[in-house]
């Protein structure tokens, strides 16, 4: 079959991201959909079924990576990987390559499957592809829920961790993003009206509230429900943030709440900056770049400016029209998987 559409699928526990590129590597389409898998596997099934209808009838090839096996609807990661593979085979067909840590893209026989090779491997795919295009630096993907920081040089990734547990230990995986992270996970104390105080350890507000208030978050990327189920306006985000410090939002003007949001923002920047500085010091060459990706790539750009380090967006490495640039950056693993799919079949 003459393949003209190389599909890359990144199945996360909160979002499904899909990229389609042609045989020249140009991005033809790229989309993301909310898939809160903690509500049940049917959420993913419904979105997969709907997106398949938009796929070209002929000349396509599927490649897939995942992190959704971590969802707590599964008893363990093995069950999650197997369930997602079976669902994808049922909806997308049998001709699917899955990304594995040791072997890249591979057709999977369930009976022979080492689920650890597939589980949470999307960071490896996107950083491997980025490293093939940039000689030395850090690939940093700040997503809705997590941040991946992957060092690379001589066009190869140099991560110490290989799974979630080891990557957490080596600070290559930071469970902190710009949408779903409860603000209580960033710090236990804040300065409000010039005074230091504790915060309430309840999921009253998330980082999405912070970045709505500060104006960093695009509506098109803000796909998750709010903690209280209410709207995503700045006013409602301020109300949720006020609960964290035990007051109602009406007691102060908007500038006070912006200052509080900025305080959380600066704490998040400090955490990431310290980790980035540590990793930059381990690279053997003096000239490096930060390759930023994800919905929170704006954080990487701020840090790069403060550190006087060159920063390029993952999307700037891609061949695509301007209207696909933003989503290419947001959906880096899906794009990388699609590109690796294309390259693997041109050998």
Protein backbone atom coordinates (compact mmCIF):
# COMPACT_ATOMS: atom_id res chain seq x y z
CA UNK A 1 0.00 0.00 0.00
CA UNK A 2 1.25 3.48 -0.87
CA UNK A 3 1.19 5.36 2.44
CA UNK A 4 0.43 9.08 2.27
CA UNK A 5 -0.88 9.66 5.80
CA UNK A 6 1.27 8.77 8.80
CA UNK A 7 -0.86 8.96 11.95
CA UNK A 8 0.67 9.56 15.38
CA UNK A 9 -1.48 8.93 18.47
CA UNK A 10 -0.58 10.02 22.02
CA UNK A 11 -3.13 8.54 24.42
CA UNK A 12 -2.97 10.29 27.77
CA UNK A 13 -5.08 9.97 30.87
CA UNK A 14 -6.50 13.45 30.31
CA UNK A 15 -6.07 14.17 26.59
CA UNK A 16 -5.91 12.32 23.29
CA UNK A 17 -3.56 13.95 20.77
CA UNK A 18 -3.45 13.03 17.09
CA UNK A 19 -1.11 14.14 14.30
CA UNK A 20 -1.24 13.31 10.60
CA UNK A 21 1.79 13.95 8.37
CA UNK A 22 2.48 13.18 4.73
CA UNK A 23 5.40 11.21 3.28
CA UNK A 24 7.47 14.41 3.09
CA UNK A 25 7.08 15.06 6.81
CA UNK A 26 4.65 17.95 6.47
CA UNK A 27 1.93 18.16 9.11
CA UNK A 28 -1.50 17.81 7.51
CA UNK A 29 -3.60 18.00 10.66
CA UNK A 30 -3.21 17.93 14.42
CA UNK A 31 -5.83 17.87 17.15
CA UNK A 32 -6.30 17.23 20.84
CA UNK A 33 -9.42 16.09 22.68
CA UNK A 34 -10.27 15.87 26.37
CA UNK A 35 -10.36 12.25 27.54
CA UNK A 36 -10.67 12.19 31.35
CA UNK A 37 -10.03 8.47 31.60
CA UNK A 38 -10.71 8.38 35.35
CA UNK A 39 -14.38 8.54 34.35
CA UNK A 40 -14.13 5.22 32.51
CA UNK A 41 -12.61 3.61 29.41
CA UNK A 42 -15.75 4.48 27.44
CA UNK A 43 -14.57 8.12 27.40
CA UNK A 44 -11.54 7.14 25.32
CA UNK A 45 -13.57 4.70 23.24
CA UNK A 46 -16.08 7.40 22.27
CA UNK A 47 -13.38 9.88 21.24
CA UNK A 48 -11.41 7.24 19.30
CA UNK A 49 -14.55 6.17 17.47
CA UNK A 50 -15.36 9.76 16.56
CA UNK A 51 -11.86 10.63 15.34
CA UNK A 52 -11.56 7.51 13.17
CA UNK A 53 -14.37 8.88 11.02
CA UNK A 54 -12.13 11.83 10.12
CA UNK A 55 -9.16 9.70 9.03
CA UNK A 56 -8.51 9.29 5.28
CA UNK A 57 -10.01 6.05 3.96
CA UNK A 58 -6.84 4.91 2.21
CA UNK A 59 -3.07 5.28 2.48
CA UNK A 60 -2.66 5.63 6.25
CA UNK A 61 -0.44 4.03 8.90
CA UNK A 62 -1.02 4.17 12.66
CA UNK A 63 1.66 4.56 15.34
CA UNK A 64 0.83 5.00 19.01
CA UNK A 65 2.25 5.90 22.40
CA UNK A 66 0.52 6.22 25.76
CA UNK A 67 0.52 7.38 29.36
CA UNK A 68 -3.15 6.54 29.96
CA UNK A 69 -2.27 3.20 31.57
CA UNK A 70 -1.67 5.16 34.80
CA UNK A 71 -5.38 5.97 35.16
CA UNK A 72 -6.83 4.58 38.37
CA UNK A 73 -9.63 2.78 36.54
CA UNK A 74 -7.01 0.08 35.96
CA UNK A 75 -5.79 -2.23 38.73
CA UNK A 76 -2.21 -1.85 37.53
CA UNK A 77 -0.17 -0.60 34.59
CA UNK A 78 -0.12 -3.99 32.88
CA UNK A 79 -3.92 -4.06 32.79
CA UNK A 80 -3.94 -0.48 31.52
CA UNK A 81 -1.51 -1.14 28.67
CA UNK A 82 -3.32 -4.31 27.60
CA UNK A 83 -6.77 -2.67 27.78
CA UNK A 84 -5.68 0.32 25.69
CA UNK A 85 -3.93 -1.86 23.09
CA UNK A 86 -6.99 -4.06 22.73
CA UNK A 87 -9.28 -1.04 22.41
CA UNK A 88 -7.04 0.54 19.76
CA UNK A 89 -6.88 -2.70 17.76
CA UNK A 90 -10.65 -2.95 17.88
CA UNK A 91 -11.23 0.60 16.65
CA UNK A 92 -8.17 1.34 14.52
CA UNK A 93 -7.49 -2.16 13.18
CA UNK A 94 -4.65 -4.60 13.67
CA UNK A 95 -2.02 -2.74 11.64
CA UNK A 96 -0.68 -0.51 14.45
CA UNK A 97 2.88 0.13 15.62
CA UNK A 98 3.42 0.91 19.31
CA UNK A 99 6.38 2.90 20.59
CA UNK A 100 8.73 0.88 22.80
CA UNK A 101 11.64 2.19 24.83
CA UNK A 102 14.23 -0.27 23.50
CA UNK A 103 13.08 -0.89 19.95
CA UNK A 104 11.21 2.22 18.85
CA UNK A 105 8.05 1.51 16.88
CA UNK A 106 7.04 -2.13 16.88
CA UNK A 107 4.07 -4.31 16.02
CA UNK A 108 2.92 -5.84 19.29
CA UNK A 109 1.91 -9.41 19.99
CA UNK A 110 -0.01 -9.27 23.29
CA UNK A 111 1.21 -12.71 24.32
CA UNK A 112 4.82 -11.60 24.02
CA UNK A 113 4.28 -8.09 25.36
CA UNK A 114 6.58 -6.50 27.92
CA UNK A 115 4.19 -3.79 29.05
CA UNK A 116 7.03 -1.80 30.65
CA UNK A 117 8.39 -1.11 27.17
CA UNK A 118 5.18 0.69 26.17
CA UNK A 119 3.94 2.24 29.42
CA UNK A 120 4.49 6.01 29.69
CA UNK A 121 6.98 6.13 26.82
CA UNK A 122 5.72 9.26 25.04
CA UNK A 123 8.51 11.43 26.54
CA UNK A 124 11.08 9.08 25.02
CA UNK A 125 9.56 9.37 21.55
CA UNK A 126 9.32 13.16 21.49
CA UNK A 127 12.76 13.78 23.04
CA UNK A 128 14.41 11.19 20.75
CA UNK A 129 12.98 12.93 17.69
CA UNK A 130 13.90 16.39 18.97
CA UNK A 131 17.46 15.25 19.75
CA UNK A 132 17.84 13.95 16.21
CA UNK A 133 17.33 17.53 14.98
CA UNK A 134 19.26 19.50 17.64
CA UNK A 135 22.78 18.62 18.77
CA UNK A 136 22.78 19.46 22.48
CA UNK A 137 20.41 20.75 25.13
CA UNK A 138 17.30 19.91 27.10
CA UNK A 139 13.94 18.82 25.75
CA UNK A 140 11.31 20.24 28.11
CA UNK A 141 7.64 19.42 27.71
CA UNK A 142 5.41 21.22 30.22
CA UNK A 143 1.99 19.70 29.88
CA UNK A 144 -1.34 19.94 31.64
CA UNK A 145 -0.26 17.54 34.39
CA UNK A 146 3.48 16.81 34.20
CA UNK A 147 6.80 18.22 33.05
CA UNK A 148 9.40 16.14 31.20
CA UNK A 149 13.02 17.32 31.25
CA UNK A 150 15.30 15.21 29.06
CA UNK A 151 18.99 16.04 28.52
CA UNK A 152 20.58 15.20 25.17
CA UNK A 153 23.85 15.70 23.33
CA UNK A 154 25.49 14.39 20.16
CA UNK A 155 21.91 14.05 18.89
CA UNK A 156 21.03 11.35 21.42
CA UNK A 157 19.01 11.54 24.62
CA UNK A 158 20.98 10.99 27.84
CA UNK A 159 18.27 10.34 30.39
CA UNK A 160 19.16 8.45 33.56
CA UNK A 161 15.61 7.34 34.26
CA UNK A 162 13.72 4.95 32.04
CA UNK A 163 10.37 4.53 33.81
CA UNK A 164 8.15 6.80 35.89
CA UNK A 165 9.66 5.78 39.21
CA UNK A 166 13.30 6.29 38.18
CA UNK A 167 12.50 9.46 36.25
CA UNK A 168 10.80 10.90 39.32
CA UNK A 169 13.89 10.03 41.35
CA UNK A 170 16.22 11.80 38.92
CA UNK A 171 13.97 14.89 38.46
CA UNK A 172 13.44 14.05 34.79
CA UNK A 173 9.72 13.75 35.49
CA UNK A 174 8.10 16.43 37.62
CA UNK A 175 4.44 15.91 38.41
CA UNK A 176 3.49 19.52 37.86
CA UNK A 177 1.74 21.10 34.89
CA UNK A 178 -0.16 24.26 34.00
CA UNK A 179 -3.76 23.01 33.99
CA UNK A 180 -4.57 20.03 36.23
CA UNK A 181 -2.09 20.44 39.10
CA UNK A 182 -3.77 21.42 42.40
CA UNK A 183 -2.11 24.63 43.61
CA UNK A 184 -1.63 23.06 47.04
CA UNK A 185 0.93 20.74 45.35
CA UNK A 186 3.18 23.69 44.47
CA UNK A 187 3.68 25.20 47.93
CA UNK A 188 2.21 24.97 51.42
CA UNK A 189 2.62 28.69 52.22
CA UNK A 190 1.97 31.93 50.34
CA UNK A 191 2.44 35.63 50.86
CA UNK A 192 -0.88 37.46 50.72
CA UNK A 193 -1.24 41.16 51.47
CA UNK A 194 2.38 41.16 52.58
CA UNK A 195 2.00 38.40 55.14
CA UNK A 196 3.09 34.77 55.05
CA UNK A 197 0.37 32.21 55.70
CA UNK A 198 -0.49 28.54 55.25
CA UNK A 199 -2.92 27.41 52.58
CA UNK A 200 -5.79 24.92 52.72
CA UNK A 201 -4.92 21.42 51.52
CA UNK A 202 -8.02 20.92 49.41
CA UNK A 203 -8.30 20.80 45.63
CA UNK A 204 -10.13 24.13 45.49
CA UNK A 205 -8.02 25.55 42.64
CA UNK A 206 -5.60 24.29 40.00
CA UNK A 207 -2.78 25.81 38.01
CA UNK A 208 -5.30 26.48 35.23
CA UNK A 209 -6.89 29.05 37.55
CA UNK A 210 -3.47 30.67 38.04
CA UNK A 211 -2.79 30.96 34.35
CA UNK A 212 -6.29 32.12 33.46
CA UNK A 213 -5.89 34.96 35.96
CA UNK A 214 -2.45 35.84 34.56
CA UNK A 215 -3.59 35.54 30.94
CA UNK A 216 -1.20 32.80 29.81
CA UNK A 217 -3.69 30.05 29.03
CA UNK A 218 -5.39 29.81 25.64
CA UNK A 219 -9.04 28.85 25.74
CA UNK A 220 -8.46 26.21 23.05
CA UNK A 221 -5.99 24.41 25.36
CA UNK A 222 -8.09 24.73 28.52
CA UNK A 223 -10.09 21.51 28.13
CA UNK A 224 -10.39 20.09 31.66
CA UNK A 225 -13.25 20.64 34.08
CA UNK A 226 -12.72 23.06 36.96
CA UNK A 227 -12.51 21.71 40.54
CA UNK A 228 -15.93 23.09 41.43
CA UNK A 229 -17.52 22.38 38.05
CA UNK A 230 -18.13 26.07 37.44
CA UNK A 231 -17.04 28.21 34.49
CA UNK A 232 -13.49 29.20 33.48
CA UNK A 233 -13.81 32.96 33.71
CA UNK A 234 -11.21 35.03 35.52
CA UNK A 235 -13.82 35.91 38.16
CA UNK A 236 -14.53 32.24 38.89
CA UNK A 237 -10.83 31.40 38.87
CA UNK A 238 -10.25 34.13 41.48
CA UNK A 239 -13.10 32.75 43.59
CA UNK A 240 -11.51 29.28 43.55
CA UNK A 241 -8.07 30.69 44.37
CA UNK A 242 -9.46 32.68 47.31
CA UNK A 243 -10.76 29.48 48.90
CA UNK A 244 -7.18 28.21 49.12
CA UNK A 245 -6.35 30.92 51.67
CA UNK A 246 -9.67 30.64 53.51
CA UNK A 247 -11.43 33.78 52.34
CA UNK A 248 -14.01 34.98 49.81
CA UNK A 249 -12.78 36.71 46.68
CA UNK A 250 -14.94 39.77 47.29
CA UNK A 251 -12.78 40.99 50.17
CA UNK A 252 -9.98 42.26 47.94
CA UNK A 253 -9.64 43.83 44.51
CA UNK A 254 -8.45 41.93 41.43
CA UNK A 255 -4.87 43.17 41.76
CA UNK A 256 -4.50 41.35 45.09
CA UNK A 257 -5.58 38.10 43.48
CA UNK A 258 -3.29 38.65 40.51
CA UNK A 259 -0.41 39.07 42.95
CA UNK A 260 -1.36 35.82 44.67
CA UNK A 261 -1.56 34.04 41.30
CA UNK A 262 1.82 35.50 40.41
CA UNK A 263 3.26 34.14 43.66
CA UNK A 264 2.25 30.58 42.71
CA UNK A 265 3.58 31.22 39.20
CA UNK A 266 6.97 32.29 40.55
CA UNK A 267 7.19 29.25 42.83
CA UNK A 268 6.53 27.00 39.84
CA UNK A 269 9.16 28.86 37.83
CA UNK A 270 11.65 28.48 40.68
CA UNK A 271 11.12 24.72 40.89
CA UNK A 272 11.63 24.29 37.15
CA UNK A 273 14.53 26.75 36.95
CA UNK A 274 16.54 24.99 39.66
CA UNK A 275 16.06 21.66 37.92
CA UNK A 276 16.98 23.06 34.51
CA UNK A 277 20.15 24.66 35.88
CA UNK A 278 21.14 21.31 37.39
CA UNK A 279 20.69 19.49 34.08
CA UNK A 280 22.46 22.16 32.02
CA UNK A 281 25.51 21.71 34.25
CA UNK A 282 25.70 18.02 33.31
CA UNK A 283 25.92 18.61 29.55
CA UNK A 284 29.45 18.32 28.13
CA UNK A 285 29.28 21.29 25.79
CA UNK A 286 28.90 24.97 26.54
CA UNK A 287 26.42 25.85 23.83
CA UNK A 288 23.01 24.37 24.46
CA UNK A 289 19.40 25.10 23.63
CA UNK A 290 16.14 24.47 25.43
CA UNK A 291 13.59 22.81 23.16
CA UNK A 292 10.22 23.71 24.63
CA UNK A 293 6.96 21.87 24.09
CA UNK A 294 3.57 21.50 25.68
CA UNK A 295 0.77 23.77 26.78
CA UNK A 296 3.12 25.29 29.38
CA UNK A 297 6.01 26.02 27.02
CA UNK A 298 5.62 29.68 27.97
CA UNK A 299 7.24 28.79 31.31
CA UNK A 300 10.32 27.43 29.51
CA UNK A 301 10.57 30.59 27.42
CA UNK A 302 10.49 32.76 30.55
CA UNK A 303 13.18 30.62 32.21
CA UNK A 304 15.37 30.65 29.10
CA UNK A 305 15.21 34.44 28.97
CA UNK A 306 16.15 34.73 32.65
CA UNK A 307 19.06 32.30 32.22
CA UNK A 308 20.12 33.82 28.89
CA UNK A 309 19.85 30.42 27.19
CA UNK A 310 18.60 29.95 23.64
CA UNK A 311 15.08 28.52 23.48
CA UNK A 312 13.36 27.11 20.41
CA UNK A 313 9.88 25.67 20.20
CA UNK A 314 9.46 22.05 19.17
CA UNK A 315 7.03 23.26 16.52
CA UNK A 316 9.77 25.37 14.90
CA UNK A 317 11.58 22.13 14.06
CA UNK A 318 8.55 20.91 12.10
CA UNK A 319 7.45 21.42 8.52
CA UNK A 320 3.95 22.79 8.86
CA UNK A 321 1.75 25.74 8.02
CA UNK A 322 1.46 28.53 10.58
CA UNK A 323 -2.05 27.49 11.57
CA UNK A 324 -0.64 24.16 12.82
CA UNK A 325 2.32 25.62 14.75
CA UNK A 326 0.57 26.02 18.08
CA UNK A 327 -0.99 22.57 18.18
CA UNK A 328 2.27 21.01 16.97
CA UNK A 329 3.92 22.35 20.07
CA UNK A 330 1.07 21.30 22.35
CA UNK A 331 0.95 17.80 20.86
CA UNK A 332 4.69 17.13 20.51
CA UNK A 333 4.58 13.37 21.29
CA UNK A 334 1.87 12.77 18.67
CA UNK A 335 3.88 14.69 16.07
CA UNK A 336 7.09 12.86 17.01
CA UNK A 337 5.37 9.46 16.78
CA UNK A 338 3.97 10.35 13.35
CA UNK A 339 7.43 11.44 12.16
CA UNK A 340 9.11 8.33 13.56
CA UNK A 341 6.42 6.25 11.88
CA UNK A 342 7.24 7.87 8.56
CA UNK A 343 10.99 7.44 8.99
CA UNK A 344 10.70 3.80 10.08
CA UNK A 345 8.86 2.94 6.89
CA UNK A 346 11.28 4.75 4.60
CA UNK A 347 14.20 2.52 5.66
